[in-house]
N, C-alpha and C. Protein backbone atom coordinates (compact mmCIF):
# COMPACT_ATOMS: atom_id res chain seq x y z
N MET A 1 -1.14 -7.98 5.65
CA MET A 1 -1.07 -7.84 7.08
C MET A 1 -0.72 -9.19 7.68
N ILE A 2 0.17 -9.14 8.68
CA ILE A 2 0.58 -10.39 9.39
C ILE A 2 0.32 -10.20 10.88
N VAL A 3 0.05 -11.30 11.56
CA VAL A 3 -0.21 -11.26 12.96
C VAL A 3 1.09 -11.70 13.65
N LEU A 4 1.52 -10.85 14.64
CA LEU A 4 2.71 -11.16 15.40
C LEU A 4 2.34 -11.16 16.89
N THR A 5 3.18 -11.67 17.74
CA THR A 5 2.91 -11.79 19.18
C THR A 5 3.88 -10.94 19.99
N LYS A 6 3.34 -9.97 20.73
CA LYS A 6 4.17 -9.12 21.55
C LYS A 6 4.61 -9.97 22.77
N LEU A 7 5.59 -9.45 23.51
CA LEU A 7 6.18 -10.23 24.63
C LEU A 7 5.14 -10.50 25.71
N ASN A 8 4.06 -9.68 25.84
CA ASN A 8 3.04 -9.89 26.82
C ASN A 8 1.94 -10.82 26.29
N ASP A 9 2.19 -11.48 25.18
CA ASP A 9 1.28 -12.47 24.55
C ASP A 9 0.10 -11.79 23.86
N GLU A 10 0.07 -10.47 23.70
CA GLU A 10 -0.94 -9.81 22.97
C GLU A 10 -0.62 -9.88 21.44
N SER A 11 -1.60 -10.06 20.62
CA SER A 11 -1.37 -10.09 19.15
C SER A 11 -1.38 -8.68 18.60
N VAL A 12 -0.54 -8.46 17.62
CA VAL A 12 -0.53 -7.17 16.88
C VAL A 12 -0.52 -7.51 15.41
N VAL A 13 -1.33 -6.81 14.68
CA VAL A 13 -1.43 -6.99 13.21
C VAL A 13 -0.64 -5.87 12.58
N VAL A 14 0.36 -6.30 11.71
CA VAL A 14 1.34 -5.38 11.12
C VAL A 14 1.24 -5.43 9.63
N ASN A 15 1.25 -4.27 9.01
CA ASN A 15 1.35 -4.21 7.50
C ASN A 15 2.74 -4.57 7.12
N SER A 16 2.94 -5.77 6.63
CA SER A 16 4.29 -6.26 6.31
C SER A 16 4.98 -5.39 5.24
N ALA A 17 4.21 -4.68 4.41
CA ALA A 17 4.83 -3.83 3.34
C ALA A 17 5.48 -2.58 4.01
N GLN A 18 5.18 -2.32 5.26
CA GLN A 18 5.72 -1.14 5.95
C GLN A 18 6.88 -1.50 6.87
N ILE A 19 7.28 -2.77 6.93
CA ILE A 19 8.42 -3.17 7.74
C ILE A 19 9.70 -2.69 7.08
N GLU A 20 10.51 -1.88 7.83
CA GLU A 20 11.80 -1.42 7.32
C GLU A 20 12.93 -2.34 7.63
N ALA A 21 12.92 -2.91 8.87
CA ALA A 21 14.00 -3.72 9.30
C ALA A 21 13.55 -4.57 10.48
N VAL A 22 14.26 -5.70 10.72
CA VAL A 22 14.05 -6.47 11.91
C VAL A 22 15.40 -6.62 12.57
N GLU A 23 15.49 -6.14 13.88
CA GLU A 23 16.72 -6.32 14.63
C GLU A 23 16.52 -7.45 15.62
N LEU A 24 17.58 -8.20 15.85
CA LEU A 24 17.54 -9.32 16.79
C LEU A 24 18.29 -8.89 18.05
N ILE A 25 17.54 -8.76 19.20
CA ILE A 25 18.11 -8.14 20.40
C ILE A 25 18.04 -8.91 21.70
N PRO A 26 17.82 -10.17 21.98
CA PRO A 26 17.66 -11.31 21.09
C PRO A 26 16.24 -11.50 20.63
N GLU A 27 15.26 -10.79 21.19
CA GLU A 27 13.92 -10.87 20.61
C GLU A 27 13.96 -10.18 19.25
N SER A 28 12.83 -10.23 18.54
CA SER A 28 12.84 -9.49 17.27
C SER A 28 12.18 -8.12 17.49
N LYS A 29 12.93 -7.09 17.02
CA LYS A 29 12.44 -5.69 17.06
C LYS A 29 12.09 -5.36 15.64
N VAL A 30 10.79 -5.26 15.38
CA VAL A 30 10.25 -4.94 14.03
C VAL A 30 10.14 -3.45 13.94
N ILE A 31 10.96 -2.86 13.11
CA ILE A 31 10.96 -1.38 12.92
C ILE A 31 10.19 -1.06 11.68
N MET A 32 9.19 -0.18 11.85
CA MET A 32 8.34 0.22 10.77
C MET A 32 8.88 1.45 10.04
N MET A 33 8.42 1.69 8.82
CA MET A 33 8.86 2.84 8.08
C MET A 33 8.55 4.19 8.71
N ASN A 34 7.58 4.22 9.58
CA ASN A 34 7.21 5.47 10.23
C ASN A 34 8.03 5.68 11.52
N GLY A 35 8.91 4.76 11.81
CA GLY A 35 9.77 4.89 13.02
C GLY A 35 9.28 4.13 14.22
N ARG A 36 8.01 3.76 14.25
CA ARG A 36 7.47 2.94 15.33
C ARG A 36 8.11 1.56 15.28
N PHE A 37 8.07 0.86 16.45
CA PHE A 37 8.64 -0.48 16.44
C PHE A 37 7.82 -1.36 17.38
N TYR A 38 7.94 -2.68 17.20
CA TYR A 38 7.29 -3.66 18.01
C TYR A 38 8.33 -4.70 18.40
N ILE A 39 8.33 -5.10 19.69
CA ILE A 39 9.20 -6.21 20.12
C ILE A 39 8.26 -7.44 20.16
N VAL A 40 8.64 -8.46 19.37
CA VAL A 40 7.74 -9.61 19.20
C VAL A 40 8.53 -10.89 19.48
N ARG A 41 7.72 -11.94 19.74
CA ARG A 41 8.28 -13.30 20.03
C ARG A 41 8.81 -14.01 18.81
N GLU A 42 8.26 -13.76 17.59
CA GLU A 42 8.60 -14.45 16.44
C GLU A 42 10.06 -14.16 16.00
N SER A 43 10.73 -15.13 15.46
CA SER A 43 12.07 -14.91 14.96
C SER A 43 12.02 -14.19 13.61
N ALA A 44 13.16 -13.69 13.17
CA ALA A 44 13.21 -13.01 11.89
C ALA A 44 12.77 -14.01 10.79
N GLU A 45 13.14 -15.23 10.89
CA GLU A 45 12.75 -16.23 9.86
C GLU A 45 11.26 -16.41 9.83
N GLU A 46 10.62 -16.47 11.02
CA GLU A 46 9.21 -16.63 11.09
C GLU A 46 8.45 -15.40 10.49
N ILE A 47 9.02 -14.20 10.76
CA ILE A 47 8.37 -13.00 10.21
C ILE A 47 8.52 -12.97 8.65
N ILE A 48 9.60 -13.40 8.14
CA ILE A 48 9.82 -13.50 6.71
C ILE A 48 8.84 -14.53 6.09
N GLU A 49 8.71 -15.68 6.73
CA GLU A 49 7.80 -16.69 6.28
C GLU A 49 6.37 -16.23 6.27
N LYS A 50 5.94 -15.53 7.32
CA LYS A 50 4.60 -14.97 7.39
C LYS A 50 4.36 -13.92 6.27
N THR A 51 5.37 -13.14 5.99
CA THR A 51 5.30 -12.13 4.93
C THR A 51 5.17 -12.79 3.55
N ILE A 52 6.01 -13.82 3.34
CA ILE A 52 5.92 -14.52 2.05
C ILE A 52 4.51 -15.19 1.91
N GLU A 53 4.03 -15.81 2.97
CA GLU A 53 2.69 -16.46 2.94
C GLU A 53 1.60 -15.44 2.64
N TYR A 54 1.67 -14.32 3.30
CA TYR A 54 0.65 -13.24 3.06
C TYR A 54 0.72 -12.73 1.64
N ASN A 55 1.96 -12.49 1.15
CA ASN A 55 2.11 -11.94 -0.21
C ASN A 55 1.59 -12.92 -1.25
N GLY A 56 1.72 -14.19 -0.98
CA GLY A 56 1.22 -15.26 -1.85
C GLY A 56 -0.33 -15.24 -1.90
N LYS A 57 -0.93 -14.91 -0.79
CA LYS A 57 -2.43 -14.88 -0.72
C LYS A 57 -3.03 -13.70 -1.48
N ILE A 58 -2.24 -12.64 -1.55
CA ILE A 58 -2.82 -11.41 -2.15
C ILE A 58 -2.45 -11.21 -3.65
N GLN A 59 -1.68 -12.15 -4.16
CA GLN A 59 -1.38 -12.05 -5.61
C GLN A 59 -2.59 -12.30 -6.41
N VAL A 60 -2.71 -11.52 -7.46
CA VAL A 60 -3.89 -11.64 -8.37
C VAL A 60 -3.39 -12.37 -9.66
N TYR A 61 -4.04 -13.45 -9.95
CA TYR A 61 -3.66 -14.18 -11.14
C TYR A 61 -4.78 -14.01 -12.22
N VAL A 62 -4.39 -13.67 -13.39
CA VAL A 62 -5.31 -13.43 -14.49
C VAL A 62 -5.40 -14.73 -15.32
N LYS A 63 -6.60 -15.27 -15.49
CA LYS A 63 -6.73 -16.51 -16.24
C LYS A 63 -6.98 -16.12 -17.74
N ASP A 64 -6.48 -16.99 -18.60
CA ASP A 64 -6.78 -16.81 -20.03
C ASP A 64 -8.20 -17.00 -20.29
N LYS A 65 -8.77 -16.24 -21.26
CA LYS A 65 -10.19 -16.38 -21.61
C LYS A 65 -10.39 -17.38 -22.65
C-alpha cells in the first residue's frame, strides 16, 4: 500500500499491486484494475519509486539455518 496525495491535499492509500496505469494529464491519473481512478499530485516517477520502496519492505528473505 502506498500513500498518495489528492489535489485537495487529502491522502489516499492505494494498493500498488492493483494499479493498471498512470496517465499524465498533466497531473497523474492513477487508474486501478477495477476501473476506479485517482487524480494525485505525485508524478509518475514518484509513484513508481513509492511502489518500489513498498515492494522492498514486504519482501520476505529466508535465512540459512
